[in-house]
Amino acid sequence: MLINGHEYKIGPGANLRDADLYGANLHGANLHGAILRGVDLRFADLTCADLRGTDLVRATLGGADLRGADLRYANLRGANLDKAHLYRTDLEGSNLNDVKWVEPSEEDGGNNASSE
């Protein structure tokens, strides 16, 4: 998949460490168990994506749309989720230590049912 001028293999178990995926359309992508450590996913569309067990340590997800995404047992330690949309995101069992998150304002689309 070509994203921001770079070719990336997107799929389960993919190694995307430090990749530039800014604004990428990954709606419904299967990234189960992928290595996304340090990746830039700001403003990416990750709605309904399968991110179970992913390594998102120190990833930047500011403004990303994660509504309906499955992040069960993901490692998000130190990730930046500022203004990320998390409505109906499943974070069961995820490592959220040192995560930075500020809820989106209404101008940013919010995190409630009306933002669907």
C-alpha atoms as a PDB file:
ATOM      1  CA  MET A   1       0.000   0.000   0.000  1.00  0.00           C
ATOM      2  CA  LEU A   2       1.411   3.392  -0.995  1.00  0.00           C
ATOM      3  CA  ILE A   3       1.087   5.939   1.835  1.00  0.00           C
ATOM      4  CA  ASN A   4       2.800   9.341   1.877  1.00  0.00           C
ATOM      5  CA  GLY A   5       5.173   8.302  -0.904  1.00  0.00           C
ATOM      6  CA  HIS A   6       6.297   5.071   0.799  1.00  0.00           C
ATOM      7  CA  GLU A   7       5.278   1.488   0.099  1.00  0.00           C
ATOM      8  CA  TYR A   8       4.124  -0.395   3.225  1.00  0.00           C
ATOM      9  CA  LYS A   9       3.015  -3.987   3.746  1.00  0.00           C
ATOM     10  CA  ILE A  10      -0.249  -3.660   5.690  1.00  0.00           C
ATOM     11  CA  GLY A  11      -1.524  -6.840   7.306  1.00  0.00           C
ATOM     12  CA  PRO A  12      -1.458  -9.070  10.375  1.00  0.00           C
ATOM     13  CA  GLY A  13       1.937  -9.111  12.087  1.00  0.00           C
ATOM     14  CA  ALA A  14       3.363  -6.390   9.812  1.00  0.00           C
ATOM     15  CA  ASN A  15       6.453  -4.548  11.046  1.00  0.00           C
ATOM     16  CA  LEU A  16       5.689  -0.850  10.574  1.00  0.00           C
ATOM     17  CA  ARG A  17       8.024   0.485  13.261  1.00  0.00           C
ATOM     18  CA  ASP A  18       8.467   4.284  12.956  1.00  0.00           C
ATOM     19  CA  ALA A  19       6.414   4.395   9.726  1.00  0.00           C
ATOM     20  CA  ASP A  20       4.836   7.633   8.479  1.00  0.00           C
ATOM     21  CA  LEU A  21       1.144   6.761   8.202  1.00  0.00           C
ATOM     22  CA  TYR A  22      -0.102  10.310   8.783  1.00  0.00           C
ATOM     23  CA  GLY A  23      -3.675  10.615   7.506  1.00  0.00           C
ATOM     24  CA  ALA A  24      -3.709   7.058   6.122  1.00  0.00           C
ATOM     25  CA  ASN A  25      -7.023   5.393   5.292  1.00  0.00           C
ATOM     26  CA  LEU A  26      -6.814   2.110   7.197  1.00  0.00           C
ATOM     27  CA  HIS A  27     -10.564   1.668   7.710  1.00  0.00           C
ATOM     28  CA  GLY A  28     -11.222  -1.985   8.578  1.00  0.00           C
ATOM     29  CA  ALA A  29      -7.538  -2.935   8.207  1.00  0.00           C
ATOM     30  CA  ASN A  30      -6.364  -6.174   9.817  1.00  0.00           C
ATOM     31  CA  LEU A  31      -3.209  -5.271  11.746  1.00  0.00           C
ATOM     32  CA  HIS A  32      -3.617  -7.966  14.420  1.00  0.00           C
ATOM     33  CA  GLY A  33      -0.277  -8.363  16.217  1.00  0.00           C
ATOM     34  CA  ALA A  34       1.491  -5.741  14.087  1.00  0.00           C
ATOM     35  CA  ILE A  35       4.511  -3.795  15.310  1.00  0.00           C
ATOM     36  CA  LEU A  36       3.527  -0.123  15.187  1.00  0.00           C
ATOM     37  CA  ARG A  37       6.066   1.125  17.718  1.00  0.00           C
ATOM     38  CA  GLY A  38       6.748   4.833  17.216  1.00  0.00           C
ATOM     39  CA  VAL A  39       4.498   5.042  14.142  1.00  0.00           C
ATOM     40  CA  ASP A  40       2.886   8.352  13.110  1.00  0.00           C
ATOM     41  CA  LEU A  41      -0.858   7.698  12.760  1.00  0.00           C
ATOM     42  CA  ARG A  42      -2.038  11.265  13.321  1.00  0.00           C
ATOM     43  CA  PHE A  43      -5.421  11.873  11.676  1.00  0.00           C
ATOM     44  CA  ALA A  44      -5.486   8.313  10.274  1.00  0.00           C
ATOM     45  CA  ASP A  45      -8.804   6.551   9.671  1.00  0.00           C
ATOM     46  CA  LEU A  46      -8.625   3.383  11.770  1.00  0.00           C
ATOM     47  CA  THR A  47     -12.379   2.923  12.148  1.00  0.00           C
ATOM     48  CA  CYS A  48     -13.313  -0.724  12.643  1.00  0.00           C
ATOM     49  CA  ALA A  49      -9.639  -1.764  12.351  1.00  0.00           C
ATOM     50  CA  ASP A  50      -8.368  -4.967  13.999  1.00  0.00           C
ATOM     51  CA  LEU A  51      -5.472  -3.815  16.183  1.00  0.00           C
ATOM     52  CA  ARG A  52      -5.618  -6.654  18.719  1.00  0.00           C
ATOM     53  CA  GLY A  53      -2.282  -7.307  20.391  1.00  0.00           C
ATOM     54  CA  THR A  54      -0.466  -4.590  18.451  1.00  0.00           C
ATOM     55  CA  ASP A  55       2.677  -2.895  19.747  1.00  0.00           C
ATOM     56  CA  LEU A  56       1.844   0.834  19.708  1.00  0.00           C
ATOM     57  CA  VAL A  57       4.475   1.924  22.246  1.00  0.00           C
ATOM     58  CA  ARG A  58       5.177   5.661  21.816  1.00  0.00           C
ATOM     59  CA  ALA A  59       2.945   5.797  18.717  1.00  0.00           C
ATOM     60  CA  THR A  60       1.397   9.142  17.777  1.00  0.00           C
ATOM     61  CA  LEU A  61      -2.351   8.860  17.171  1.00  0.00           C
ATOM     62  CA  GLY A  62      -3.435  12.468  17.708  1.00  0.00           C
ATOM     63  CA  GLY A  63      -6.705  13.165  15.936  1.00  0.00           C
ATOM     64  CA  ALA A  64      -6.942   9.577  14.647  1.00  0.00           C
ATOM     65  CA  ASP A  65     -10.386   8.066  14.168  1.00  0.00           C
ATOM     66  CA  LEU A  66     -10.450   4.814  16.149  1.00  0.00           C
ATOM     67  CA  ARG A  67     -14.224   4.498  16.461  1.00  0.00           C
ATOM     68  CA  GLY A  68     -15.202   0.836  16.546  1.00  0.00           C
ATOM     69  CA  ALA A  69     -11.569  -0.327  16.445  1.00  0.00           C
ATOM     70  CA  ASP A  70     -10.511  -3.454  18.343  1.00  0.00           C
ATOM     71  CA  LEU A  71      -7.449  -2.672  20.469  1.00  0.00           C
ATOM     72  CA  ARG A  72      -7.816  -5.516  22.952  1.00  0.00           C
ATOM     73  CA  TYR A  73      -4.496  -6.411  24.586  1.00  0.00           C
ATOM     74  CA  ALA A  74      -2.602  -3.772  22.602  1.00  0.00           C
ATOM     75  CA  ASN A  75       0.451  -2.144  24.166  1.00  0.00           C
ATOM     76  CA  LEU A  76      -0.144   1.620  24.049  1.00  0.00           C
ATOM     77  CA  ARG A  77       2.447   2.550  26.688  1.00  0.00           C
ATOM     78  CA  GLY A  78       3.536   6.164  26.174  1.00  0.00           C
ATOM     79  CA  ALA A  79       1.311   6.651  23.111  1.00  0.00           C
ATOM     80  CA  ASN A  80      -0.145  10.056  22.267  1.00  0.00           C
ATOM     81  CA  LEU A  81      -3.901   9.825  21.719  1.00  0.00           C
ATOM     82  CA  ASP A  82      -4.665  13.539  22.003  1.00  0.00           C
ATOM     83  CA  LYS A  83      -8.066  14.239  20.464  1.00  0.00           C
ATOM     84  CA  ALA A  84      -8.303  10.699  19.064  1.00  0.00           C
ATOM     85  CA  HIS A  85     -11.871   9.519  18.529  1.00  0.00           C
ATOM     86  CA  LEU A  86     -12.400   6.475  20.747  1.00  0.00           C
ATOM     87  CA  TYR A  87     -16.176   5.942  20.661  1.00  0.00           C
ATOM     88  CA  ARG A  88     -16.878   2.192  20.864  1.00  0.00           C
ATOM     89  CA  THR A  89     -13.150   1.395  20.785  1.00  0.00           C
ATOM     90  CA  ASP A  90     -12.423  -1.857  22.655  1.00  0.00           C
ATOM     91  CA  LEU A  91      -9.402  -1.356  24.931  1.00  0.00           C
ATOM     92  CA  GLU A  92      -9.937  -4.443  27.125  1.00  0.00           C
ATOM     93  CA  GLY A  93      -6.641  -5.667  28.584  1.00  0.00           C
ATOM     94  CA  SER A  94      -4.598  -2.954  26.853  1.00  0.00           C
ATOM     95  CA  ASN A  95      -1.540  -1.360  28.460  1.00  0.00           C
ATOM     96  CA  LEU A  96      -2.461   2.320  28.833  1.00  0.00           C
ATOM     97  CA  ASN A  97       0.435   3.342  31.096  1.00  0.00           C
ATOM     98  CA  ASP A  98       1.686   6.870  30.387  1.00  0.00           C
ATOM     99  CA  VAL A  99      -0.834   7.397  27.562  1.00  0.00           C
ATOM    100  CA  LYS A 100      -1.529  11.046  26.735  1.00  0.00           C
ATOM    101  CA  TRP A 101      -5.161  11.708  25.828  1.00  0.00           C
ATOM    102  CA  VAL A 102      -7.300  14.836  25.711  1.00  0.00           C
ATOM    103  CA  GLU A 103     -10.896  14.239  24.664  1.00  0.00           C
ATOM    104  CA  PRO A 104     -11.831  15.841  21.336  1.00  0.00           C
ATOM    105  CA  SER A 105     -14.008  18.926  21.597  1.00  0.00           C
ATOM    106  CA  GLU A 106     -17.304  19.246  19.763  1.00  0.00           C
ATOM    107  CA  GLU A 107     -15.440  21.155  17.041  1.00  0.00           C
ATOM    108  CA  ASP A 108     -13.198  18.070  16.613  1.00  0.00           C
ATOM    109  CA  GLY A 109     -16.201  15.754  16.288  1.00  0.00           C
ATOM    110  CA  GLY A 110     -16.295  14.664  19.954  1.00  0.00           C
ATOM    111  CA  ASN A 111     -16.376  11.099  21.232  1.00  0.00           C
ATOM    112  CA  ASN A 112     -20.083  10.475  21.576  1.00  0.00           C
ATOM    113  CA  ALA A 113     -22.804   8.754  19.605  1.00  0.00           C
ATOM    114  CA  SER A 114     -23.624  11.936  17.719  1.00  0.00           C
ATOM    115  CA  SER A 115     -20.152  11.855  16.108  1.00  0.00           C
ATOM    116  CA  GLU A 116     -20.856   8.609  14.247  1.00  0.00           C
END
